N, C-alpha and C. Protein backbone atom coordinates (compact mmCIF):
# COMPACT_ATOMS: atom_id res chain seq x y z
N MET A 1 18.55 51.60 18.80
CA MET A 1 17.28 51.57 19.39
C MET A 1 16.28 50.99 18.51
N ILE A 2 16.11 51.29 16.86
CA ILE A 2 15.22 50.72 16.14
C ILE A 2 15.67 49.30 15.83
N ALA A 3 16.93 48.87 15.77
CA ALA A 3 16.88 47.64 15.64
C ALA A 3 16.85 46.81 16.72
N ALA A 4 16.90 47.23 18.52
CA ALA A 4 16.18 46.46 19.21
C ALA A 4 15.19 46.47 19.04
N ALA A 5 14.02 47.47 18.66
CA ALA A 5 12.45 47.38 18.46
C ALA A 5 12.43 46.07 17.38
N ILE A 6 13.35 45.98 16.15
CA ILE A 6 13.25 45.13 15.24
C ILE A 6 13.20 43.51 15.40
N LEU A 7 14.12 43.40 16.01
CA LEU A 7 14.59 41.96 16.78
C LEU A 7 13.92 41.36 17.63
N GLN A 8 12.98 42.12 18.77
CA GLN A 8 11.80 41.95 19.62
C GLN A 8 10.94 41.77 18.83
N ALA A 9 10.46 42.73 17.76
CA ALA A 9 8.82 42.47 17.15
C ALA A 9 9.52 40.97 16.21
N SER A 10 10.38 40.60 16.09
CA SER A 10 10.57 39.37 14.84
C SER A 10 11.07 38.40 15.84
N GLY A 11 11.55 38.16 17.08
CA GLY A 11 11.70 37.04 17.98
C GLY A 11 10.32 36.29 18.40
N GLY A 12 9.19 36.68 18.13
CA GLY A 12 7.88 35.81 18.26
C GLY A 12 7.92 35.28 16.99
N GLY A 13 8.31 35.60 15.64
CA GLY A 13 8.60 34.76 14.29
C GLY A 13 8.69 34.18 14.46
N PHE A 14 9.73 33.30 14.97
CA PHE A 14 10.59 31.87 14.67
C PHE A 14 9.23 30.88 15.34
N GLY A 15 8.75 31.18 16.74
CA GLY A 15 7.58 30.40 17.32
C GLY A 15 6.10 30.58 16.25
N GLY A 16 6.23 31.25 15.75
CA GLY A 16 4.92 31.72 14.94
C GLY A 16 5.12 30.71 13.57
N PHE A 17 6.21 30.84 13.28
CA PHE A 17 6.57 29.69 11.88
C PHE A 17 6.57 28.33 12.62
N LEU A 18 7.23 27.79 13.79
CA LEU A 18 6.81 26.21 13.98
C LEU A 18 5.49 26.06 14.04
N ILE A 19 4.40 26.90 14.66
CA ILE A 19 3.42 26.08 14.42
C ILE A 19 2.30 25.77 13.55
N PRO A 20 2.78 26.53 12.37
CA PRO A 20 1.77 25.99 11.58
C PRO A 20 2.46 25.19 10.79
N LEU A 21 4.13 25.22 10.87
CA LEU A 21 4.96 23.85 10.08
C LEU A 21 4.62 22.81 10.76
N GLY A 22 4.44 22.93 11.94
CA GLY A 22 4.21 21.39 12.84
C GLY A 22 2.54 21.07 12.60
N LEU A 23 1.61 21.80 12.62
CA LEU A 23 0.20 21.52 12.32
C LEU A 23 -0.07 20.81 10.52
N MET A 24 1.11 21.58 9.68
CA MET A 24 1.15 21.15 8.19
C MET A 24 1.58 19.74 8.36
N PHE A 25 2.52 19.13 9.10
CA PHE A 25 2.99 17.94 9.37
C PHE A 25 1.73 17.06 9.77
N ALA A 26 0.94 17.67 10.86
CA ALA A 26 0.66 16.59 10.97
C ALA A 26 -0.96 16.40 10.29
N ILE A 27 -1.11 17.27 9.42
CA ILE A 27 -2.47 16.98 8.83
C ILE A 27 -1.98 16.29 7.53
N MET A 28 -0.59 16.48 6.76
CA MET A 28 0.12 15.78 5.88
C MET A 28 0.25 14.17 6.67
N TYR A 29 0.76 13.45 7.96
CA TYR A 29 0.78 12.40 8.03
C TYR A 29 -0.96 11.93 8.52
N PHE A 30 -1.51 12.61 8.79
CA PHE A 30 -3.22 11.61 8.86
C PHE A 30 -4.30 11.75 7.53
N MET A 31 -3.49 12.60 6.59
CA MET A 31 -4.06 12.12 5.62
C MET A 31 -3.50 11.56 4.47
N VAL A 32 -2.14 11.58 4.51
CA VAL A 32 -0.82 10.82 3.30
C VAL A 32 -0.42 9.73 4.06
N ILE A 33 0.29 9.68 5.00
CA ILE A 33 1.12 8.85 5.63
C ILE A 33 0.29 7.75 6.35
N MET A 34 -0.67 8.08 7.01
CA MET A 34 -1.38 7.22 8.17
C MET A 34 -2.41 6.01 6.91
N PRO A 35 -3.17 6.44 6.00
CA PRO A 35 -3.41 5.60 5.31
C PRO A 35 -2.94 4.78 4.08
N GLN A 36 -1.82 5.28 3.66
CA GLN A 36 -0.83 4.50 3.30
C GLN A 36 -0.31 2.93 4.08
N GLN A 37 -0.03 3.64 5.41
CA GLN A 37 0.72 2.33 5.78
C GLN A 37 -0.66 1.19 6.56
N ARG A 38 -2.13 1.60 6.14
CA ARG A 38 -2.81 1.07 6.87
C ARG A 38 -3.31 -0.07 5.65
N GLN A 39 -3.09 0.79 4.18
CA GLN A 39 -2.89 -0.06 3.18
C GLN A 39 -2.17 -1.18 2.31
N ARG A 40 -0.93 -0.87 2.98
CA ARG A 40 0.28 -1.38 2.77
C ARG A 40 0.01 -2.71 3.67
N LYS A 41 -0.25 -2.56 5.38
CA LYS A 41 -0.51 -3.67 6.35
C LYS A 41 -1.87 -4.83 5.83
N LYS A 42 -2.82 -3.88 4.98
CA LYS A 42 -3.63 -4.38 4.41
C LYS A 42 -3.33 -5.43 3.09
N THR A 43 -2.85 -5.20 2.22
CA THR A 43 -2.11 -6.19 1.47
C THR A 43 -0.91 -6.94 1.53
N GLN A 44 -0.07 -6.44 2.84
CA GLN A 44 0.61 -7.96 3.45
C GLN A 44 -0.16 -9.05 3.74
N GLU A 45 -1.10 -8.65 4.29
CA GLU A 45 -2.06 -9.46 5.02
C GLU A 45 -2.59 -10.49 3.98
N MET A 46 -3.19 -10.14 3.01
CA MET A 46 -3.70 -10.33 1.69
C MET A 46 -2.88 -11.32 1.26
N LEU A 47 -1.52 -10.73 1.00
CA LEU A 47 -0.42 -11.59 -0.03
C LEU A 47 -0.51 -13.11 1.46
N GLY A 48 0.12 -12.94 2.48
CA GLY A 48 0.05 -14.17 3.25
C GLY A 48 -1.01 -15.04 3.81
N ALA A 49 -1.77 -14.50 3.07
CA ALA A 49 -3.10 -15.44 3.43
C ALA A 49 -3.44 -16.02 2.15
N LEU A 50 -2.69 -16.16 1.16
CA LEU A 50 -2.93 -16.69 -0.09
C LEU A 50 -2.60 -17.97 -0.08
N LYS A 51 -3.56 -19.19 -0.77
CA LYS A 51 -3.33 -20.36 -0.62
C LYS A 51 -3.86 -20.98 -2.07
N ALA A 52 -3.30 -22.36 -2.42
CA ALA A 52 -3.67 -23.05 -3.40
C ALA A 52 -5.32 -22.68 -3.64
N GLY A 53 -5.59 -22.55 -4.93
CA GLY A 53 -6.97 -22.85 -5.31
C GLY A 53 -7.52 -21.55 -5.53
N ASP A 54 -6.85 -20.78 -4.78
CA ASP A 54 -7.49 -19.28 -4.78
C ASP A 54 -7.58 -18.41 -6.23
N LYS A 55 -8.47 -18.09 -6.45
CA LYS A 55 -8.67 -17.03 -7.80
C LYS A 55 -8.28 -16.10 -7.76
N VAL A 56 -7.39 -15.46 -8.45
CA VAL A 56 -6.53 -13.90 -8.13
C VAL A 56 -6.81 -13.36 -9.49
N ILE A 57 -6.16 -11.89 -9.66
CA ILE A 57 -5.93 -10.79 -10.50
C ILE A 57 -4.37 -10.27 -10.14
N THR A 58 -3.76 -10.57 -11.14
CA THR A 58 -2.65 -9.86 -11.14
C THR A 58 -2.52 -8.31 -11.56
N SER A 59 -1.31 -7.73 -11.29
CA SER A 59 -1.11 -6.01 -11.37
C SER A 59 -1.10 -6.11 -12.69
N GLY A 60 -0.92 -6.73 -13.51
CA GLY A 60 -0.96 -6.56 -15.08
C GLY A 60 -2.02 -7.20 -15.78
N GLY A 61 -3.19 -7.87 -14.66
CA GLY A 61 -4.62 -8.10 -15.43
C GLY A 61 -4.69 -9.68 -15.79
N ILE A 62 -3.84 -10.22 -15.27
CA ILE A 62 -4.06 -11.59 -15.85
C ILE A 62 -4.90 -12.26 -14.43
N TYR A 63 -5.81 -12.71 -14.82
CA TYR A 63 -6.63 -13.76 -14.14
C TYR A 63 -6.26 -15.48 -14.55
N GLY A 64 -6.44 -15.88 -12.72
CA GLY A 64 -5.58 -17.42 -13.04
C GLY A 64 -6.03 -17.81 -11.44
N THR A 65 -5.94 -19.00 -11.33
CA THR A 65 -5.79 -19.57 -10.14
C THR A 65 -4.68 -20.31 -9.65
N ILE A 66 -4.27 -19.73 -8.17
CA ILE A 66 -3.18 -20.52 -7.87
C ILE A 66 -3.13 -21.77 -7.78
N ASN A 67 -1.73 -22.51 -8.27
CA ASN A 67 -1.94 -23.74 -8.12
C ASN A 67 -0.79 -24.18 -7.00
N GLY A 68 0.27 -23.34 -7.40
CA GLY A 68 1.18 -23.74 -6.05
C GLY A 68 2.03 -22.35 -5.72
N ILE A 69 2.35 -22.36 -4.63
CA ILE A 69 3.16 -21.44 -3.86
C ILE A 69 4.44 -22.07 -3.49
N ASP A 70 6.07 -21.02 -3.52
CA ASP A 70 7.06 -21.55 -3.84
C ASP A 70 7.66 -20.24 -3.09
N GLY A 71 7.85 -19.90 -1.43
CA GLY A 71 8.44 -18.78 -1.28
C GLY A 71 7.84 -17.39 -1.97
N ASP A 72 8.72 -16.50 -2.75
CA ASP A 72 7.90 -15.39 -2.92
C ASP A 72 7.39 -15.61 -4.15
N SER A 73 7.60 -16.91 -4.94
CA SER A 73 6.67 -16.84 -6.43
C SER A 73 5.29 -17.82 -6.16
N VAL A 74 4.80 -17.64 -6.85
CA VAL A 74 3.20 -17.84 -7.42
C VAL A 74 3.53 -18.79 -8.69
N ILE A 75 2.91 -20.17 -8.50
CA ILE A 75 2.53 -21.07 -10.12
C ILE A 75 1.07 -20.55 -10.37
N LEU A 76 0.60 -19.99 -11.24
CA LEU A 76 -0.77 -19.24 -11.94
C LEU A 76 -1.42 -20.28 -12.74
N LYS A 77 -2.47 -20.87 -12.70
CA LYS A 77 -2.97 -21.29 -13.31
C LYS A 77 -3.48 -20.46 -14.55
N VAL A 78 -3.20 -20.42 -15.68
CA VAL A 78 -4.03 -19.30 -16.56
C VAL A 78 -5.00 -19.65 -17.13
N SER A 79 -5.35 -21.09 -17.81
CA SER A 79 -5.78 -21.78 -18.70
C SER A 79 -6.16 -23.19 -18.45
N ALA A 80 -7.52 -23.59 -18.65
CA ALA A 80 -7.85 -24.46 -18.10
C ALA A 80 -7.71 -25.95 -19.16
N GLU A 81 -8.07 -25.58 -20.82
CA GLU A 81 -7.70 -26.69 -21.37
C GLU A 81 -6.28 -27.14 -21.62
N PRO A 82 -5.19 -25.99 -22.15
CA PRO A 82 -3.90 -26.82 -22.35
C PRO A 82 -3.51 -26.43 -20.98
N GLN A 83 -3.38 -27.05 -20.00
CA GLN A 83 -2.96 -26.25 -19.01
C GLN A 83 -1.71 -25.70 -19.07
N VAL A 84 -2.11 -24.10 -19.04
CA VAL A 84 -0.92 -22.87 -18.59
C VAL A 84 -0.82 -23.05 -17.52
N LYS A 85 0.67 -22.68 -16.97
CA LYS A 85 0.88 -22.29 -15.76
C LYS A 85 1.94 -21.53 -16.02
N ILE A 86 2.16 -20.26 -14.78
CA ILE A 86 3.24 -19.21 -15.09
C ILE A 86 3.86 -19.19 -13.53
N ARG A 87 5.22 -18.80 -13.62
CA ARG A 87 5.29 -18.33 -12.56
C ARG A 87 5.37 -17.19 -12.21
N ILE A 88 4.92 -15.88 -11.12
CA ILE A 88 4.99 -14.64 -11.10
C ILE A 88 5.33 -14.22 -9.47
N ALA A 89 5.87 -13.27 -9.70
CA ALA A 89 6.34 -12.90 -7.83
C ALA A 89 4.92 -12.78 -7.22
N ARG A 90 4.70 -13.24 -6.09
CA ARG A 90 3.91 -12.87 -5.49
C ARG A 90 3.00 -11.27 -4.91
N ALA A 91 4.35 -10.70 -5.02
CA ALA A 91 3.94 -9.16 -4.98
C ALA A 91 2.99 -8.92 -6.03
N ALA A 92 3.18 -9.46 -7.18
CA ALA A 92 2.44 -8.86 -8.45
C ALA A 92 0.84 -9.11 -8.29
N ILE A 93 0.45 -9.84 -7.47
CA ILE A 93 -0.53 -10.07 -7.11
C ILE A 93 -1.72 -8.86 -6.61
N ALA A 94 -2.59 -8.50 -7.64
CA ALA A 94 -3.22 -6.95 -6.72
C ALA A 94 -4.68 -7.84 -6.18
N GLN A 95 -4.92 -8.73 -6.44
CA GLN A 95 -6.07 -8.76 -5.30
C GLN A 95 -6.99 -10.46 -5.43
N VAL A 96 -7.69 -10.72 -4.66
CA VAL A 96 -8.38 -12.34 -4.33
C VAL A 96 -9.36 -11.82 -4.89
N GLU A 97 -10.16 -12.66 -6.12
CA GLU A 97 -11.58 -12.51 -5.93
C GLU A 97 -12.26 -13.11 -5.58
N ALA A 98 -13.50 -12.50 -5.51
CA ALA A 98 -14.63 -13.20 -4.31
C ALA A 98 -14.67 -14.30 -4.79
N SER A 99 -15.28 -15.69 -3.80
CA SER A 99 -15.34 -16.60 -4.26
C SER A 99 -16.76 -16.68 -4.22
N GLU A 100 -17.25 -17.78 -5.31
CA GLU A 100 -18.70 -17.83 -5.48
C GLU A 100 -19.84 -18.31 -4.23
N ASP A 101 -18.79 -18.76 -3.44
CA ASP A 101 -19.90 -19.18 -2.24
C ASP A 101 -19.92 -17.37 -1.89
N ALA A 102 -19.08 -16.85 -1.37
CA ALA A 102 -19.53 -15.04 -0.88
C ALA A 102 -20.42 -14.22 -1.58
N LYS A 103 -20.72 -14.91 -2.94
CA LYS A 103 -21.60 -14.15 -3.69
C LYS A 103 -22.87 -14.80 -3.45
């Protein structure tokens, strides 16, 4: 009799456990996962729109101008005087600098 009362009282506990768990998952989705997906999409669009002549900054902090694009790598002109060019991964480009016209 006492065991039946305990089981009956705890029967609603499982449903009461799932609702907060689902609510926590929804909050995590909207606060963490969705913004990360948006940022990843924005970065992929930026990398896809790269073209020769763009001034960029790499994730390592190197400033340069794109001289050419070869698949997943980019030829980056780092210095103007003794034409220094390096090959970097396209994914290593962190941002495109705003052009002088846009300012």
